[in-house]
């Protein structure tokens, strides 16, 4: 197996730009009225889909610090099969999945239709930006093989 490089260390200017983007996206989400827990649920669901252990570890801790319940975190992968998530959270999770798996046009259309029922346009945009950003961080961590300590 070839030795991996930490992309964040090898190209710090590019990584710093991604961090700045993430900070702007977090501010955009807050301005749109999305609670931090919703942002962390999106971060976690996208990281589950991508299989990013490092980001799952980071965002599980962040969700718990934000007041998320461990029970909900435990069933997040099966969020559609529970009644534990609010309509707003469900719409955000569906949009996050559609952003992460864009080839499923039917799921994308359904996610946007659901979002229109419970999210403002600003919230819809913010959720998509959160998903886009965590997808980028997932790729950096997966390809760098960042360890979970």
Protein backbone atom coordinates (compact mmCIF):
# COMPACT_ATOMS: atom_id res chain seq x y z
CA UNK A 1 0.00 0.00 0.00
CA UNK A 2 1.32 3.43 -0.90
CA UNK A 3 1.96 6.01 1.76
CA UNK A 4 -0.74 8.69 1.93
CA UNK A 5 -0.13 12.36 2.45
CA UNK A 6 -2.24 14.60 4.62
CA UNK A 7 -3.78 16.92 2.03
CA UNK A 8 -4.39 19.59 4.67
CA UNK A 9 -0.69 19.62 5.60
CA UNK A 10 0.63 19.26 2.05
CA UNK A 11 -1.50 22.13 0.69
CA UNK A 12 -2.29 24.35 3.68
CA UNK A 13 -3.51 27.35 1.63
CA UNK A 14 -6.12 25.22 -0.12
CA UNK A 15 -7.17 23.62 3.16
CA UNK A 16 -7.38 27.00 4.88
CA UNK A 17 -9.67 28.20 2.08
CA UNK A 18 -11.91 25.19 2.72
CA UNK A 19 -11.98 25.99 6.44
CA UNK A 20 -12.92 29.60 5.64
CA UNK A 21 -15.69 28.34 3.36
CA UNK A 22 -16.94 26.13 6.17
CA UNK A 23 -17.02 29.09 8.56
CA UNK A 24 -18.97 31.17 6.03
CA UNK A 25 -21.41 28.31 5.49
CA UNK A 26 -21.93 27.88 9.25
CA UNK A 27 -22.67 31.63 9.51
CA UNK A 28 -25.05 31.39 6.54
CA UNK A 29 -26.89 28.52 8.23
CA UNK A 30 -27.22 30.47 11.47
CA UNK A 31 -28.46 33.56 9.60
CA UNK A 32 -31.05 31.37 7.86
CA UNK A 33 -32.31 30.23 11.27
CA UNK A 34 -30.94 26.69 11.21
CA UNK A 35 -30.01 25.40 14.63
CA UNK A 36 -26.52 24.00 15.13
CA UNK A 37 -28.00 20.53 15.73
CA UNK A 38 -29.51 20.53 12.23
CA UNK A 39 -26.13 21.46 10.76
CA UNK A 40 -24.44 18.65 12.69
CA UNK A 41 -27.10 16.12 11.64
CA UNK A 42 -26.38 17.04 8.02
CA UNK A 43 -22.63 16.75 8.63
CA UNK A 44 -23.10 13.35 10.22
CA UNK A 45 -25.48 11.93 7.62
CA UNK A 46 -23.23 12.96 4.75
CA UNK A 47 -20.22 11.53 6.56
CA UNK A 48 -22.12 8.26 7.08
CA UNK A 49 -22.91 8.05 3.38
CA UNK A 50 -19.28 8.71 2.48
CA UNK A 51 -17.84 6.44 5.17
CA UNK A 52 -15.60 9.11 6.70
CA UNK A 53 -14.64 7.88 10.17
CA UNK A 54 -12.67 11.02 11.02
CA UNK A 55 -15.56 13.38 10.23
CA UNK A 56 -18.05 11.09 11.98
CA UNK A 57 -15.93 11.31 15.12
CA UNK A 58 -15.55 15.11 14.91
CA UNK A 59 -19.22 15.80 14.21
CA UNK A 60 -20.60 13.31 16.72
CA UNK A 61 -18.71 15.22 19.41
CA UNK A 62 -19.94 18.53 17.99
CA UNK A 63 -23.55 17.31 17.92
CA UNK A 64 -23.36 16.14 21.52
CA UNK A 65 -21.85 19.49 22.58
CA UNK A 66 -24.74 21.23 20.78
CA UNK A 67 -27.20 19.21 22.89
CA UNK A 68 -28.06 16.37 20.51
CA UNK A 69 -29.40 13.17 22.03
CA UNK A 70 -27.30 10.00 21.72
CA UNK A 71 -30.42 7.98 20.89
CA UNK A 72 -31.11 10.08 17.79
CA UNK A 73 -27.47 9.86 16.77
CA UNK A 74 -27.68 6.09 17.08
CA UNK A 75 -30.56 5.85 14.60
CA UNK A 76 -29.51 8.62 12.24
CA UNK A 77 -28.60 6.19 9.45
CA UNK A 78 -32.24 5.01 9.51
CA UNK A 79 -33.84 8.43 10.05
CA UNK A 80 -36.66 7.69 7.60
CA UNK A 81 -37.78 4.75 9.74
CA UNK A 82 -38.22 6.71 12.98
CA UNK A 83 -40.39 9.49 14.30
CA UNK A 84 -37.46 11.00 16.21
CA UNK A 85 -36.70 13.75 13.70
CA UNK A 86 -38.74 16.90 13.08
CA UNK A 87 -40.13 17.73 9.63
CA UNK A 88 -37.42 20.39 9.25
CA UNK A 89 -34.68 17.90 10.16
CA UNK A 90 -36.14 15.30 7.81
CA UNK A 91 -36.18 17.80 4.95
CA UNK A 92 -32.58 18.79 5.70
CA UNK A 93 -31.45 15.16 5.82
CA UNK A 94 -33.17 14.37 2.52
CA UNK A 95 -31.49 17.38 0.89
CA UNK A 96 -28.13 16.33 2.33
CA UNK A 97 -28.54 12.86 0.83
CA UNK A 98 -29.60 14.28 -2.53
CA UNK A 99 -26.56 16.56 -2.53
CA UNK A 100 -24.23 13.69 -1.66
CA UNK A 101 -25.78 11.26 -4.15
CA UNK A 102 -26.75 13.59 -7.01
CA UNK A 103 -27.26 10.83 -9.60
CA UNK A 104 -30.62 9.89 -8.08
CA UNK A 105 -32.82 12.44 -9.87
CA UNK A 106 -36.05 11.14 -8.32
CA UNK A 107 -34.65 11.46 -4.79
CA UNK A 108 -33.42 14.94 -5.64
CA UNK A 109 -36.86 16.05 -6.85
CA UNK A 110 -38.54 14.54 -3.78
CA UNK A 111 -36.03 16.22 -1.47
CA UNK A 112 -36.64 19.61 -3.03
CA UNK A 113 -40.42 19.13 -2.89
CA UNK A 114 -40.21 18.22 0.81
CA UNK A 115 -37.86 21.11 1.50
CA UNK A 116 -40.29 23.59 -0.05
CA UNK A 117 -42.89 22.51 2.52
CA UNK A 118 -40.81 23.26 5.64
CA UNK A 119 -37.63 25.16 4.76
CA UNK A 120 -37.24 28.72 3.55
CA UNK A 121 -35.20 29.30 0.41
CA UNK A 122 -32.35 30.58 2.60
CA UNK A 123 -32.52 27.43 4.74
CA UNK A 124 -32.63 25.20 1.66
CA UNK A 125 -29.56 26.92 0.25
CA UNK A 126 -27.75 26.73 3.60
CA UNK A 127 -28.45 23.00 3.99
CA UNK A 128 -27.10 22.32 0.52
CA UNK A 129 -23.98 24.38 1.26
CA UNK A 130 -23.44 22.48 4.52
CA UNK A 131 -23.69 19.20 2.60
CA UNK A 132 -21.35 20.42 -0.17
CA UNK A 133 -18.78 21.55 2.40
CA UNK A 134 -18.80 18.38 4.50
CA UNK A 135 -18.57 16.33 1.31
CA UNK A 136 -15.33 18.21 0.55
CA UNK A 137 -13.98 17.64 4.06
CA UNK A 138 -14.92 13.96 3.80
CA UNK A 139 -12.84 13.60 0.66
CA UNK A 140 -9.86 15.35 2.27
CA UNK A 141 -10.02 13.11 5.34
CA UNK A 142 -10.72 9.86 3.48
CA UNK A 143 -7.97 10.40 0.92
CA UNK A 144 -5.54 11.55 3.63
CA UNK A 145 -6.54 8.63 5.85
CA UNK A 146 -6.88 10.92 8.84
CA UNK A 147 -6.86 8.71 11.93
CA UNK A 148 -9.54 8.65 14.58
CA UNK A 149 -7.65 8.94 17.84
